[in-house]
Protein backbone atom coordinates (compact mmCIF):
# COMPACT_ATOMS: atom_id res chain seq x y z
CA UNK A 1 30.10 6.15 9.99
CA UNK A 2 30.12 4.26 6.85
CA UNK A 3 27.01 3.36 5.02
CA UNK A 4 28.28 0.04 3.41
CA UNK A 5 25.81 -1.78 5.57
CA UNK A 6 22.48 0.41 5.26
CA UNK A 7 18.80 -0.22 6.18
CA UNK A 8 16.05 2.37 5.79
CA UNK A 9 13.44 1.84 7.93
CA UNK A 10 10.27 2.21 8.01
CA UNK A 11 6.40 2.52 10.57
CA UNK A 12 2.97 2.23 9.34
CA UNK A 13 0.42 4.41 11.47
CA UNK A 14 -0.14 2.07 14.40
CA UNK A 15 3.58 1.58 14.93
CA UNK A 16 3.34 5.74 15.69
CA UNK A 17 0.27 5.59 17.11
CA UNK A 18 0.99 6.72 20.63
CA UNK A 19 3.98 7.23 22.98
CA UNK A 20 4.38 3.47 23.80
CA UNK A 21 4.12 2.40 20.38
CA UNK A 22 7.20 4.94 19.59
CA UNK A 23 8.90 4.24 21.99
CA UNK A 24 9.36 0.33 20.96
CA UNK A 25 9.84 1.38 17.93
CA UNK A 26 12.92 3.80 19.03
CA UNK A 27 14.15 0.54 20.53
CA UNK A 28 13.63 -1.71 17.38
CA UNK A 29 16.14 1.70 15.57
CA UNK A 30 18.68 1.93 19.10
CA UNK A 31 19.45 -1.90 18.43
CA UNK A 32 20.21 -2.36 14.84
CA UNK A 33 23.11 0.12 14.20
CA UNK A 34 22.01 -0.28 10.52
CA UNK A 35 18.83 1.46 10.95
CA UNK A 36 20.02 5.21 9.80
CA UNK A 37 17.31 6.16 7.98
CA UNK A 38 13.68 5.89 9.49
CA UNK A 39 10.44 6.41 7.30
CA UNK A 40 7.17 6.80 9.30
CA UNK A 41 3.58 7.59 8.09
CA UNK A 42 1.12 9.60 9.73
CA UNK A 43 0.16 8.44 14.22
CA UNK A 44 -2.62 6.02 13.87
CA UNK A 45 -6.02 7.70 12.72
CA UNK A 46 -4.20 11.05 11.77
CA UNK A 47 -4.71 10.42 8.32
CA UNK A 48 -8.53 9.50 7.86
CA UNK A 49 -9.21 12.63 9.95
CA UNK A 50 -7.25 14.36 7.90
CA UNK A 51 -9.13 13.02 4.40
CA UNK A 52 -11.94 14.06 5.89
CA UNK A 53 -10.54 17.37 6.52
CA UNK A 54 -9.40 18.21 3.39
CA UNK A 55 -12.96 17.30 1.24
CA UNK A 56 -15.31 20.39 0.22
CA UNK A 57 -18.19 21.62 1.97
CA UNK A 58 -17.45 20.62 6.14
CA UNK A 59 -18.96 22.47 8.06
CA UNK A 60 -16.91 25.23 10.52
CA UNK A 61 -18.10 23.05 13.67
CA UNK A 62 -16.97 19.90 12.14
CA UNK A 63 -13.86 21.20 10.74
CA UNK A 64 -12.98 22.60 15.19
CA UNK A 65 -13.70 19.19 16.32
CA UNK A 66 -11.33 17.19 13.89
CA UNK A 67 -8.67 19.58 13.83
CA UNK A 68 -9.13 19.00 17.87
CA UNK A 69 -9.32 15.08 17.89
CA UNK A 70 -6.03 15.64 15.51
CA UNK A 71 -3.97 18.22 18.60
CA UNK A 72 -5.32 15.25 21.04
CA UNK A 73 -4.15 12.51 19.23
CA UNK A 74 -0.63 13.87 18.76
CA UNK A 75 -0.51 15.77 22.18
CA UNK A 76 -1.02 12.79 24.73
CA UNK A 77 2.66 12.17 23.17
CA UNK A 78 3.90 14.89 22.87
CA UNK A 79 2.81 15.34 27.30
CA UNK A 80 5.11 12.35 28.18
CA UNK A 81 8.13 14.32 25.69
CA UNK A 82 7.64 17.19 27.98
CA UNK A 83 10.16 19.09 25.15
CA UNK A 84 8.39 22.51 24.62
CA UNK A 85 10.47 23.54 21.12
CA UNK A 86 8.86 20.73 19.56
CA UNK A 87 5.83 21.65 21.15
CA UNK A 88 5.47 24.75 19.57
CA UNK A 89 6.44 23.33 16.70
CA UNK A 90 3.80 21.13 16.39
CA UNK A 91 1.22 24.14 17.23
CA UNK A 92 3.16 25.73 14.63
CA UNK A 93 1.47 23.20 12.42
CA UNK A 94 -1.42 23.10 13.73
CA UNK A 95 -2.44 26.23 13.34
CA UNK A 96 -0.53 26.30 9.63
CA UNK A 97 -3.65 22.84 9.48
CA UNK A 98 -6.10 25.03 10.63
CA UNK A 99 -5.40 27.58 7.45
CA UNK A 100 -5.49 24.98 4.69
CA UNK A 101 -8.28 23.84 5.90
CA UNK A 102 -10.29 26.98 6.30
CA UNK A 103 -8.90 27.98 2.47
CA UNK A 104 -9.58 24.20 1.53
CA UNK A 105 -13.82 25.37 2.04
CA UNK A 106 -13.85 28.68 0.88
CA UNK A 107 -11.48 27.40 -2.52
CA UNK A 108 -10.98 23.29 -3.23
CA UNK A 109 -8.93 22.74 -4.65
CA UNK A 110 -6.72 19.44 -5.17
CA UNK A 111 -3.63 20.84 -4.94
CA UNK A 112 -4.76 22.67 -0.75
CA UNK A 113 -5.70 18.76 -0.46
CA UNK A 114 -2.12 17.29 -0.56
CA UNK A 115 -0.97 19.34 1.39
CA UNK A 116 -3.32 19.31 4.43
CA UNK A 117 -2.71 14.81 4.02
CA UNK A 118 0.89 16.04 4.40
CA UNK A 119 0.40 16.87 7.88
CA UNK A 120 -0.04 14.33 9.53
CA UNK A 121 3.95 12.87 8.72
CA UNK A 122 4.60 16.51 9.28
CA UNK A 123 3.83 15.88 12.67
CA UNK A 124 4.79 11.67 13.06
CA UNK A 125 8.07 12.52 11.96
CA UNK A 126 9.35 14.98 13.79
CA UNK A 127 7.89 13.79 16.84
CA UNK A 128 9.55 10.91 16.36
CA UNK A 129 13.01 12.57 16.05
CA UNK A 130 12.69 13.60 19.31
CA UNK A 131 11.71 10.32 20.88
CA UNK A 132 14.84 8.86 19.48
CA UNK A 133 16.67 12.02 21.45
CA UNK A 134 15.11 10.26 24.32
CA UNK A 135 16.38 6.83 24.36
CA UNK A 136 20.08 8.26 23.52
CA UNK A 137 20.14 8.14 19.38
CA UNK A 138 21.54 10.85 18.23
CA UNK A 139 18.69 11.47 15.26
CA UNK A 140 17.33 14.67 13.66
CA UNK A 141 13.85 15.33 11.64
CA UNK A 142 14.41 15.72 7.60
CA UNK A 143 12.02 17.33 5.22
CA UNK A 144 11.61 14.67 2.36
CA UNK A 145 10.38 16.95 0.07
CA UNK A 146 13.89 18.36 0.00
CA UNK A 147 14.84 15.28 -2.27
CA UNK A 148 11.11 13.64 -3.40
CA UNK A 149 9.98 15.35 -6.25
CA UNK A 150 7.25 14.81 -8.26
CA UNK A 151 5.17 15.51 -10.94
CA UNK A 152 1.16 17.58 -10.55
CA UNK A 153 -1.28 14.43 -10.40
CA UNK A 154 -1.90 15.76 -6.25
CA UNK A 155 -3.55 12.27 -4.74
CA UNK A 156 -1.24 9.99 -7.01
CA UNK A 157 1.88 12.35 -7.56
CA UNK A 158 5.15 10.44 -10.35
CA UNK A 159 7.85 10.57 -8.36
CA UNK A 160 10.78 11.69 -11.10
CA UNK A 161 13.47 8.90 -9.43
CA UNK A 162 16.55 9.52 -11.84
CA UNK A 163 16.16 13.74 -9.60
CA UNK A 164 15.55 11.60 -6.29
CA UNK A 165 18.95 9.48 -6.60
CA UNK A 166 20.66 12.66 -7.45
CA UNK A 167 18.71 14.12 -4.29
CA UNK A 168 19.54 11.47 -2.30
CA UNK A 169 23.07 11.42 -2.76
CA UNK A 170 23.52 15.03 -2.47
CA UNK A 171 21.92 15.73 1.08
CA UNK A 172 20.51 12.86 2.64
CA UNK A 173 24.13 10.50 2.68
CA UNK A 174 26.26 13.14 4.01
CA UNK A 175 24.05 13.76 6.69
CA UNK A 176 23.51 10.08 7.15
CA UNK A 177 26.94 9.92 8.13
CA UNK A 178 27.00 11.49 11.07
CA UNK A 179 23.03 10.13 12.38
CA UNK A 180 19.99 8.89 12.36
CA UNK A 181 17.47 10.41 10.03
CA UNK A 182 13.92 10.30 10.56
CA UNK A 183 11.96 11.88 7.44
CA UNK A 184 7.87 11.65 5.73
CA UNK A 185 6.49 8.95 4.24
CA UNK A 186 3.21 9.32 1.12
CA UNK A 187 4.26 12.82 0.61
CA UNK A 188 6.82 14.82 -2.85
CA UNK A 189 7.06 18.31 -4.02
CA UNK A 190 6.11 19.33 -7.07
CA UNK A 191 8.67 22.01 -10.14
CA UNK A 192 6.47 24.61 -8.62
CA UNK A 193 7.12 23.67 -4.40
CA UNK A 194 2.98 22.68 -3.62
CA UNK A 195 3.02 19.60 -1.38
CA UNK A 196 2.20 15.95 -3.13
CA UNK A 197 1.24 12.81 -1.79
CA UNK A 198 1.75 8.88 -3.69
CA UNK A 199 -1.16 7.59 -3.22
CA UNK A 200 -2.24 4.59 -1.46
CA UNK A 201 0.61 2.99 -0.30
CA UNK A 202 3.06 5.72 -0.80
CA UNK A 203 4.76 5.65 2.20
CA UNK A 204 6.28 1.93 2.04
CA UNK A 205 6.68 3.27 -1.64
CA UNK A 206 8.52 6.32 -0.50
CA UNK A 207 10.71 4.14 1.73
CA UNK A 208 11.80 1.45 -1.25
CA UNK A 209 12.35 4.51 -3.31
CA UNK A 210 14.73 5.84 -0.74
CA UNK A 211 16.38 2.96 0.10
CA UNK A 212 16.79 2.09 -4.19
CA UNK A 213 18.30 5.49 -4.18
CA UNK A 214 20.26 5.15 -1.10
CA UNK A 215 21.18 1.59 -2.61
CA UNK A 216 20.00 0.20 1.42
CA UNK A 217 21.53 -3.01 2.02
CA UNK A 218 17.79 -3.62 3.25
CA UNK A 219 14.37 -2.16 4.04
CA UNK A 220 12.35 -2.80 7.12
CA UNK A 221 8.64 -2.67 6.77
CA UNK A 222 7.25 -2.35 10.70
CA UNK A 223 3.78 -2.82 10.99
CA UNK A 224 1.23 -4.24 13.32
CA UNK A 225 1.67 -8.19 12.64
CA UNK A 226 4.45 -10.69 12.43
CA UNK A 227 5.01 -11.04 8.98
CA UNK A 228 3.17 -12.06 5.83
CA UNK A 229 0.86 -15.30 6.73
CA UNK A 230 -0.72 -17.93 4.74
CA UNK A 231 -3.45 -16.41 4.07
CA UNK A 232 -6.12 -13.38 6.42
CA UNK A 233 -5.22 -14.46 10.43
CA UNK A 234 -8.91 -12.91 10.83
CA UNK A 235 -10.45 -15.73 8.38
CA UNK A 236 -9.09 -18.12 9.89
CA UNK A 237 -6.74 -19.40 12.69
CA UNK A 238 -4.57 -22.05 10.81
CA UNK A 239 -2.96 -18.65 8.61
CA UNK A 240 1.11 -18.60 9.80
CA UNK A 241 3.87 -16.47 8.75
CA UNK A 242 6.09 -16.79 6.14
CA UNK A 243 9.26 -16.82 6.77
CA UNK A 244 10.83 -16.45 3.69
CA UNK A 245 8.92 -15.62 -0.20
CA UNK A 246 10.42 -14.53 -3.27
CA UNK A 247 10.04 -11.01 -4.59
CA UNK A 248 7.65 -12.66 -7.32
CA UNK A 249 5.56 -14.65 -5.11
CA UNK A 250 5.25 -11.47 -2.96
CA UNK A 251 4.33 -9.25 -5.19
CA UNK A 252 1.28 -12.13 -6.58
CA UNK A 253 -0.01 -11.46 -2.60
CA UNK A 254 0.47 -8.53 -2.74
CA UNK A 255 -1.58 -7.60 -6.13
CA UNK A 256 -4.34 -10.19 -5.44
CA UNK A 257 -5.57 -8.64 -2.15
CA UNK A 258 -2.94 -9.05 1.01
CA UNK A 259 -2.46 -5.90 2.78
CA UNK A 260 0.35 -6.23 4.49
CA UNK A 261 2.19 -4.67 1.52
CA UNK A 262 1.75 -2.82 -1.44
CA UNK A 263 2.41 -3.77 -5.30
CA UNK A 264 4.50 -0.63 -5.94
CA UNK A 265 6.94 -0.75 -2.70
CA UNK A 266 8.95 -4.51 -4.00
CA UNK A 267 9.31 -2.37 -7.51
CA UNK A 268 12.07 -0.75 -6.59
CA UNK A 269 13.49 -3.08 -4.02
CA UNK A 270 13.29 -5.58 -6.92
CA UNK A 271 14.71 -3.09 -9.70
CA UNK A 272 17.99 -2.95 -6.50
CA UNK A 273 17.89 -6.73 -5.33
CA UNK A 274 17.38 -5.34 -1.83
CA UNK A 275 15.58 -8.04 0.85
CA UNK A 276 12.65 -6.35 2.37
CA UNK A 277 12.04 -7.19 5.84
CA UNK A 278 8.53 -7.48 7.13
CA UNK A 279 7.75 -7.84 10.87
CA UNK A 280 6.16 -6.50 13.76
CA UNK A 281 7.14 -3.60 15.73
CA UNK A 282 4.87 -4.58 19.03
CA UNK A 283 6.85 -7.97 18.79
CA UNK A 284 9.51 -7.50 16.68
CA UNK A 285 11.35 -10.64 18.93
CA UNK A 286 8.75 -13.09 17.06
CA UNK A 287 10.87 -12.34 13.75
CA UNK A 288 8.74 -11.16 10.82
CA UNK A 289 9.41 -12.41 6.64
CA UNK A 290 12.00 -12.13 4.73
CA UNK A 291 11.28 -11.29 1.16
CA UNK A 292 14.13 -11.26 -1.31
CA UNK A 293 15.26 -13.29 -5.04
CA UNK A 294 16.99 -16.06 -3.72
CA UNK A 295 14.88 -18.72 -1.24
CA UNK A 296 15.62 -22.08 0.02
CA UNK A 297 12.44 -23.30 -1.07
CA UNK A 298 9.57 -23.12 -3.66
CA UNK A 299 6.48 -25.20 -2.59
CA UNK A 300 3.85 -25.36 -4.47
CA UNK A 301 1.55 -23.02 -2.79
CA UNK A 302 2.52 -20.55 -0.40
CA UNK A 303 -0.49 -18.30 0.16
CA UNK A 304 -3.89 -17.54 -0.48
CA UNK A 305 -4.68 -14.18 -0.90
CA UNK A 306 -8.49 -12.46 -1.18
CA UNK A 307 -9.94 -9.28 -2.12
CA UNK A 308 -13.37 -8.43 -2.40
CA UNK A 309 -15.52 -6.09 -3.66
CA UNK A 310 -14.54 -6.66 -7.18
CA UNK A 311 -16.74 -6.26 -10.95
CA UNK A 312 -17.30 -9.21 -13.15
CA UNK A 313 -18.27 -7.35 -17.05
CA UNK A 314 -19.18 -9.48 -19.74
CA UNK A 315 -19.21 -8.53 -23.44
CA UNK A 316 -20.80 -10.49 -25.75
CA UNK A 317 -21.42 -9.51 -29.39
CA UNK A 318 -21.28 -12.65 -32.72
CA UNK A 319 -19.21 -10.15 -34.13
CA UNK A 320 -16.09 -11.53 -32.16
CA UNK A 321 -15.99 -14.38 -34.23
CA UNK A 322 -13.12 -14.22 -36.06
CA UNK A 323 -13.12 -10.32 -36.85
CA UNK A 324 -9.86 -8.40 -35.40
CA UNK A 325 -10.26 -4.98 -33.80
CA UNK A 326 -13.11 -5.88 -31.42
CA UNK A 327 -11.15 -5.84 -28.30
CA UNK A 328 -8.98 -3.11 -29.47
CA UNK A 329 -12.75 -0.88 -29.38
CA UNK A 330 -13.60 -2.38 -26.28
CA UNK A 331 -10.33 -1.40 -24.14
CA UNK A 332 -10.62 2.11 -25.41
CA UNK A 333 -13.71 2.83 -23.86
CA UNK A 334 -12.42 1.29 -20.73
CA UNK A 335 -9.07 3.45 -21.05
CA UNK A 336 -10.66 6.51 -22.22
CA UNK A 337 -12.63 5.73 -18.68
CA UNK A 338 -9.12 5.25 -16.69
CA UNK A 339 -10.33 1.45 -16.07
CA UNK A 340 -7.33 -0.57 -15.27
CA UNK A 341 -9.10 -4.72 -15.65
CA UNK A 342 -7.36 -7.27 -12.95
CA UNK A 343 -8.55 -10.67 -14.92
CA UNK A 344 -9.43 -11.54 -18.16
CA UNK A 345 -10.49 -14.61 -20.12
CA UNK A 346 -12.51 -15.17 -23.51
CA UNK A 347 -14.75 -17.18 -25.42
CA UNK A 348 -14.92 -17.23 -29.25
CA UNK A 349 -18.15 -14.27 -28.82
CA UNK A 350 -17.42 -13.47 -24.97
CA UNK A 351 -14.89 -11.71 -23.02
CA UNK A 352 -15.55 -11.90 -19.16
CA UNK A 353 -13.51 -8.57 -17.33
CA UNK A 354 -12.27 -8.39 -13.61
CA UNK A 355 -12.55 -4.64 -11.90
CA UNK A 356 -11.71 -3.59 -8.77
CA UNK A 357 -13.96 -1.98 -6.84
CA UNK A 358 -13.26 0.48 -3.83
CA UNK A 359 -15.65 1.54 -1.93
CA UNK A 360 -17.69 1.63 -4.74
CA UNK A 361 -16.05 4.35 -7.31
CA UNK A 362 -16.07 1.50 -10.49
CA UNK A 363 -19.08 0.48 -9.57
CA UNK A 364 -20.40 4.18 -10.72
CA UNK A 365 -19.18 4.22 -13.24
CA UNK A 366 -20.05 0.82 -14.78
CA UNK A 367 -23.32 1.10 -14.36
CA UNK A 368 -24.32 4.27 -16.12
CA UNK A 369 -21.43 5.89 -18.69
CA UNK A 370 -18.91 2.68 -19.47
CA UNK A 371 -22.18 0.28 -20.26
CA UNK A 372 -23.97 2.64 -21.98
CA UNK A 373 -20.49 3.51 -24.35
CA UNK A 374 -20.14 -0.65 -24.62
CA UNK A 375 -23.18 -0.76 -25.13
CA UNK A 376 -23.17 0.70 -28.30
CA UNK A 377 -20.30 -2.53 -29.06
CA UNK A 378 -22.41 -5.07 -27.71
CA UNK A 379 -23.51 -7.09 -25.38
CA UNK A 380 -22.97 -5.56 -22.12
CA UNK A 381 -23.77 -7.68 -18.21
CA UNK A 382 -22.69 -5.98 -14.76
CA UNK A 383 -22.04 -8.28 -11.64
CA UNK A 384 -21.47 -6.77 -8.54
CA UNK A 385 -20.70 -8.59 -4.68
CA UNK A 386 -18.20 -11.20 -5.90
CA UNK A 387 -14.82 -11.52 -4.58
CA UNK A 388 -11.51 -12.40 -5.53
CA UNK A 389 -9.37 -15.87 -4.48
CA UNK A 390 -5.81 -16.08 -5.45
CA UNK A 391 -3.70 -19.04 -4.86
CA UNK A 392 -0.46 -17.76 -4.80
CA UNK A 393 3.04 -20.45 -5.47
CA UNK A 394 5.32 -21.63 -7.47
CA UNK A 395 4.61 -23.34 -10.80
CA UNK A 396 1.68 -22.89 -10.90
CA UNK A 397 0.76 -23.78 -14.54
CA UNK A 398 2.71 -26.29 -14.77
CA UNK A 399 2.05 -29.01 -11.47
CA UNK A 400 0.00 -31.88 -11.99
CA UNK A 401 -3.39 -32.09 -10.25
CA UNK A 402 -3.62 -28.35 -8.78
CA UNK A 403 -6.54 -27.73 -10.85
CA UNK A 404 -7.88 -31.14 -8.80
CA UNK A 405 -6.90 -29.82 -5.41
CA UNK A 406 -8.79 -26.68 -5.31
CA UNK A 407 -11.98 -26.91 -7.13
CA UNK A 408 -12.71 -31.04 -5.24
CA UNK A 409 -12.21 -28.44 -2.22
CA UNK A 410 -14.51 -25.99 -3.65
CA UNK A 411 -17.33 -28.36 -4.30
CA UNK A 412 -20.57 -26.79 -2.70
CA UNK A 413 -19.35 -23.31 -4.47
CA UNK A 414 -20.06 -21.55 -6.67
CA UNK A 415 -16.70 -20.25 -8.82
CA UNK A 416 -18.24 -18.12 -11.25
CA UNK A 417 -14.66 -16.91 -13.52
CA UNK A 418 -11.17 -18.90 -13.42
CA UNK A 419 -8.14 -17.27 -14.74
CA UNK A 420 -4.88 -19.59 -15.50
CA UNK A 421 -1.71 -19.55 -16.95
CA UNK A 422 -0.45 -16.38 -17.23
CA UNK A 423 1.62 -15.78 -14.80
CA UNK A 424 3.79 -19.11 -12.92
CA UNK A 425 2.65 -18.08 -10.08
CA UNK A 426 -1.12 -17.79 -9.28
CA UNK A 427 -4.16 -19.16 -10.24
CA UNK A 428 -7.47 -16.65 -9.36
CA UNK A 429 -11.21 -17.18 -9.81
CA UNK A 430 -14.01 -15.25 -8.64
CA UNK A 431 -17.03 -16.23 -5.54
CA UNK A 432 -19.68 -14.95 -4.49
CA UNK A 433 -19.11 -12.40 -1.49
CA UNK A 434 -20.93 -14.34 0.79
CA UNK A 435 -19.09 -17.57 0.04
CA UNK A 436 -15.56 -16.09 0.13
CA UNK A 437 -14.63 -16.48 3.85
CA UNK A 438 -15.84 -19.85 3.94
CA UNK A 439 -13.73 -20.94 0.57
CA UNK A 440 -10.33 -19.44 1.67
CA UNK A 441 -10.92 -21.63 5.16
CA UNK A 442 -11.59 -24.63 2.99
CA UNK A 443 -8.76 -24.24 0.45
CA UNK A 444 -5.85 -22.99 3.46
CA UNK A 445 -7.62 -26.34 5.17
CA UNK A 446 -6.74 -28.63 2.42
CA UNK A 447 -3.65 -27.08 0.48
CA UNK A 448 -1.57 -26.30 4.60
CA UNK A 449 -1.92 -28.83 6.58
């Protein structure tokens, strides 16, 4: 078969959660002959268990309980396939996993942690290849570590893109001529031959990198929702699926909290101008969202994204007035502690900055070391319990009445900080966490009615 029309299809954890879910995905692959490379996440629930298993000081009894839970998730699928060879392969992997967990308990390391985290994808990809065979698709398992070479930054490994492109053409492309290959997202391998992981959003990013390396015609991300919505449907039932959006709009949405796509996913697709489709593996007949360079319409308002757990840091000093170097000193402190600023606004003598705060990690830093170092330069105030709302669209910075439409709608809700002008695609502001849902509901009703 020619690879002139190639789709890389990626299935998330809920899409490969159990045997019935895998069968639905197998039908999607079978019904489109362009689906040649399939990238899978770990079965739903497995990665969370592996994260716990990869931590230090886990009691032996808890280790055994976690391993049993992981085994149960996989065995519930295997029993439907009745394939002894596959069952034996999974048993070997589970035994290896138990050994790594034991080693981690004795001598904790980031390298072993990444190895442990990789087993979810190693198992789900082997199983899904067999599920495809069971419905008549000529398919095979492929170890992505043969082509996905990375550095040794465990947990957030960086991929050698040039090496990937070379390897993909040498090892992947010839095999894809003859059969569908099932491989893993999220994982790679360093120069020492050790397994690495790509961090949050790694599976989608892996699929996008593989699509780029193979110069694919399409990248399909199959998940548990029917495309990308105008806002989180859990906040308002008025939210609706978007048929098509531009790369720029999608990147803004992903950056500011739309969890359906990780921002890094779009970068390889944009570099190669590969359209990205996002759809539901549970309801493929309902279509989804197509993300591409050129779209038919670019409305002023496309969506409302919400990102919770934001921290606002304000630094203030009269020394800023007409002085050079102050901001450089502030950012040097932040860089030293590897803190990334999201939004920033300035006045003559103060600067306000927002930080994402997943699981309290940033909050812990900002409450101690960083604040102490910043206080040597200026006055510092730190506020937690905030949410960032981004109104995403097109030409927002040049459209009359945008500010009026948005902030008239938010009467009664205190807006803590506003950021506009740096991008044509968004207007962002902070509100109190407790008022975030109300703000999104009001805005959606007003802007998308």
